[in-house]
Amino acid sequence: MNRLTGTSEIAKPLGVSRQRTSQPAQREDFPEPVARLAAGPIWETTDIERWSRETGRID
């Protein structure tokens, strides 16, 4: 089963506040969310990790 992650969970690894996660999420190369809930978008964790490595956000 794939792990899912929301804006609060991606903030720390990206080095931004939860409120600022919308900035990287607006980038053209940022992964598309798998769903958009009332609480906000959610992504597959592996997509966010891959994007973070490819863009130098994390090792």
N, C-alpha and C. Protein backbone atom coordinates (compact mmCIF):
# COMPACT_ATOMS: atom_id res chain seq x y z
N MET A 1 0.83 -1.19 0.00
CA MET A 1 0.00 0.00 0.00
C MET A 1 0.87 1.25 0.00
N ASN A 2 0.54 2.19 -0.85
CA ASN A 2 1.30 3.43 -0.94
C ASN A 2 0.97 4.34 0.23
N ARG A 3 2.02 4.98 0.75
CA ARG A 3 1.79 5.96 1.81
C ARG A 3 1.38 7.28 1.18
N LEU A 4 0.49 7.95 1.86
CA LEU A 4 0.02 9.26 1.40
C LEU A 4 0.51 10.33 2.36
N THR A 5 0.65 11.53 1.84
CA THR A 5 1.15 12.62 2.65
C THR A 5 0.43 13.91 2.27
N GLY A 6 0.21 14.75 3.26
CA GLY A 6 -0.44 16.04 3.05
C GLY A 6 0.54 17.18 3.25
N THR A 7 0.03 18.39 3.23
CA THR A 7 0.90 19.57 3.32
C THR A 7 1.67 19.63 4.63
N SER A 8 1.07 19.24 5.73
CA SER A 8 1.78 19.28 7.01
C SER A 8 2.97 18.33 7.01
N GLU A 9 2.80 17.16 6.39
CA GLU A 9 3.86 16.16 6.39
C GLU A 9 5.00 16.49 5.43
N ILE A 10 4.71 17.21 4.36
CA ILE A 10 5.80 17.52 3.42
C ILE A 10 6.56 18.78 3.81
N ALA A 11 6.04 19.57 4.71
CA ALA A 11 6.68 20.83 5.08
C ALA A 11 8.08 20.63 5.65
N LYS A 12 8.23 19.74 6.60
CA LYS A 12 9.52 19.56 7.27
C LYS A 12 10.61 19.09 6.31
N PRO A 13 10.39 18.01 5.54
CA PRO A 13 11.45 17.60 4.61
C PRO A 13 11.80 18.64 3.55
N LEU A 14 10.83 19.47 3.18
CA LEU A 14 11.10 20.51 2.19
C LEU A 14 11.73 21.75 2.81
N GLY A 15 11.74 21.81 4.15
CA GLY A 15 12.34 22.94 4.82
C GLY A 15 11.52 24.20 4.76
N VAL A 16 10.19 24.05 4.70
CA VAL A 16 9.30 25.20 4.67
C VAL A 16 8.20 25.03 5.70
N SER A 17 7.48 26.09 5.99
CA SER A 17 6.34 25.99 6.88
C SER A 17 5.18 25.34 6.15
N ARG A 18 4.22 24.84 6.87
CA ARG A 18 3.04 24.23 6.26
C ARG A 18 2.37 25.22 5.31
N GLN A 19 2.32 26.47 5.72
CA GLN A 19 1.68 27.49 4.90
C GLN A 19 2.43 27.73 3.58
N ARG A 20 3.74 27.51 3.59
CA ARG A 20 4.54 27.78 2.39
C ARG A 20 4.65 26.58 1.46
N THR A 21 4.05 25.46 1.81
CA THR A 21 4.11 24.30 0.92
C THR A 21 3.42 24.57 -0.41
N SER A 22 2.56 25.55 -0.45
CA SER A 22 1.89 25.86 -1.72
C SER A 22 2.87 26.39 -2.76
N GLN A 23 3.99 26.99 -2.31
CA GLN A 23 4.95 27.52 -3.27
C GLN A 23 5.62 26.42 -4.10
N PRO A 24 6.25 25.40 -3.47
CA PRO A 24 6.80 24.35 -4.32
C PRO A 24 5.71 23.59 -5.08
N ALA A 25 4.54 23.47 -4.47
CA ALA A 25 3.45 22.73 -5.13
C ALA A 25 2.97 23.42 -6.39
N GLN A 26 3.26 24.70 -6.55
CA GLN A 26 2.86 25.43 -7.75
C GLN A 26 3.87 25.29 -8.89
N ARG A 27 5.03 24.71 -8.57
CA ARG A 27 6.05 24.52 -9.61
C ARG A 27 5.55 23.53 -10.64
N GLU A 28 5.92 23.76 -11.87
CA GLU A 28 5.49 22.90 -12.97
C GLU A 28 6.00 21.47 -12.81
N ASP A 29 7.19 21.31 -12.19
CA ASP A 29 7.76 19.98 -12.05
C ASP A 29 7.35 19.25 -10.77
N PHE A 30 6.52 19.89 -9.95
CA PHE A 30 6.08 19.27 -8.69
C PHE A 30 5.05 18.19 -9.01
N PRO A 31 5.08 17.06 -8.29
CA PRO A 31 4.12 16.00 -8.56
C PRO A 31 2.67 16.45 -8.38
N GLU A 32 1.81 15.91 -9.20
CA GLU A 32 0.38 16.18 -9.07
C GLU A 32 -0.16 15.44 -7.85
N PRO A 33 -1.06 16.05 -7.09
CA PRO A 33 -1.66 15.32 -5.97
C PRO A 33 -2.50 14.16 -6.49
N VAL A 34 -2.59 13.11 -5.69
CA VAL A 34 -3.43 11.97 -6.07
C VAL A 34 -4.89 12.26 -5.77
N ALA A 35 -5.13 13.22 -4.87
CA ALA A 35 -6.50 13.63 -4.54
C ALA A 35 -6.46 15.02 -3.91
N ARG A 36 -7.58 15.68 -3.98
CA ARG A 36 -7.75 16.97 -3.30
C ARG A 36 -8.94 16.82 -2.36
N LEU A 37 -8.65 16.92 -1.08
CA LEU A 37 -9.68 16.80 -0.05
C LEU A 37 -10.03 18.18 0.49
N ALA A 38 -11.05 18.24 1.31
CA ALA A 38 -11.42 19.52 1.94
C ALA A 38 -10.25 20.06 2.75
N ALA A 39 -9.45 19.15 3.33
CA ALA A 39 -8.30 19.56 4.14
C ALA A 39 -7.10 19.96 3.29
N GLY A 40 -7.17 19.71 1.98
CA GLY A 40 -6.08 20.07 1.10
C GLY A 40 -5.63 18.90 0.24
N PRO A 41 -4.62 19.15 -0.60
CA PRO A 41 -4.14 18.10 -1.50
C PRO A 41 -3.36 17.02 -0.75
N ILE A 42 -3.35 15.82 -1.32
CA ILE A 42 -2.51 14.74 -0.79
C ILE A 42 -1.74 14.12 -1.95
N TRP A 43 -0.53 13.69 -1.64
CA TRP A 43 0.37 13.11 -2.62
C TRP A 43 0.84 11.74 -2.14
N GLU A 44 1.34 10.96 -3.08
CA GLU A 44 2.04 9.74 -2.70
C GLU A 44 3.40 10.16 -2.17
N THR A 45 3.75 9.62 -1.02
CA THR A 45 5.01 9.98 -0.37
C THR A 45 6.20 9.73 -1.29
N THR A 46 6.19 8.63 -2.02
CA THR A 46 7.31 8.33 -2.91
C THR A 46 7.47 9.38 -4.00
N ASP A 47 6.39 9.97 -4.48
CA ASP A 47 6.47 11.03 -5.49
C ASP A 47 7.16 12.27 -4.92
N ILE A 48 6.80 12.62 -3.68
CA ILE A 48 7.40 13.80 -3.04
C ILE A 48 8.88 13.54 -2.75
N GLU A 49 9.21 12.35 -2.27
CA GLU A 49 10.61 12.01 -1.99
C GLU A 49 11.45 12.05 -3.26
N ARG A 50 10.93 11.50 -4.34
CA ARG A 50 11.65 11.50 -5.62
C ARG A 50 11.87 12.92 -6.10
N TRP A 51 10.83 13.76 -6.07
CA TRP A 51 10.95 15.15 -6.49
C TRP A 51 11.98 15.89 -5.62
N SER A 52 11.94 15.63 -4.33
CA SER A 52 12.87 16.29 -3.41
C SER A 52 14.32 15.93 -3.72
N ARG A 53 14.57 14.66 -4.01
CA ARG A 53 15.94 14.24 -4.37
C ARG A 53 16.36 14.86 -5.71
N GLU A 54 15.48 14.82 -6.69
CA GLU A 54 15.81 15.34 -8.02
C GLU A 54 16.07 16.84 -8.03
N THR A 55 15.44 17.57 -7.14
CA THR A 55 15.61 19.02 -7.10
C THR A 55 16.60 19.48 -6.03
N GLY A 56 17.22 18.52 -5.33
CA GLY A 56 18.22 18.85 -4.33
C GLY A 56 17.66 19.32 -3.00
N ARG A 57 16.37 19.08 -2.77
CA ARG A 57 15.76 19.48 -1.49
C ARG A 57 16.21 18.56 -0.35
N ILE A 58 16.38 17.28 -0.66
CA ILE A 58 16.87 16.31 0.34
C ILE A 58 17.86 15.38 -0.36
N ASP A 59 18.66 14.67 0.44
CA ASP A 59 19.63 13.70 -0.11
C ASP A 59 18.96 12.36 -0.34
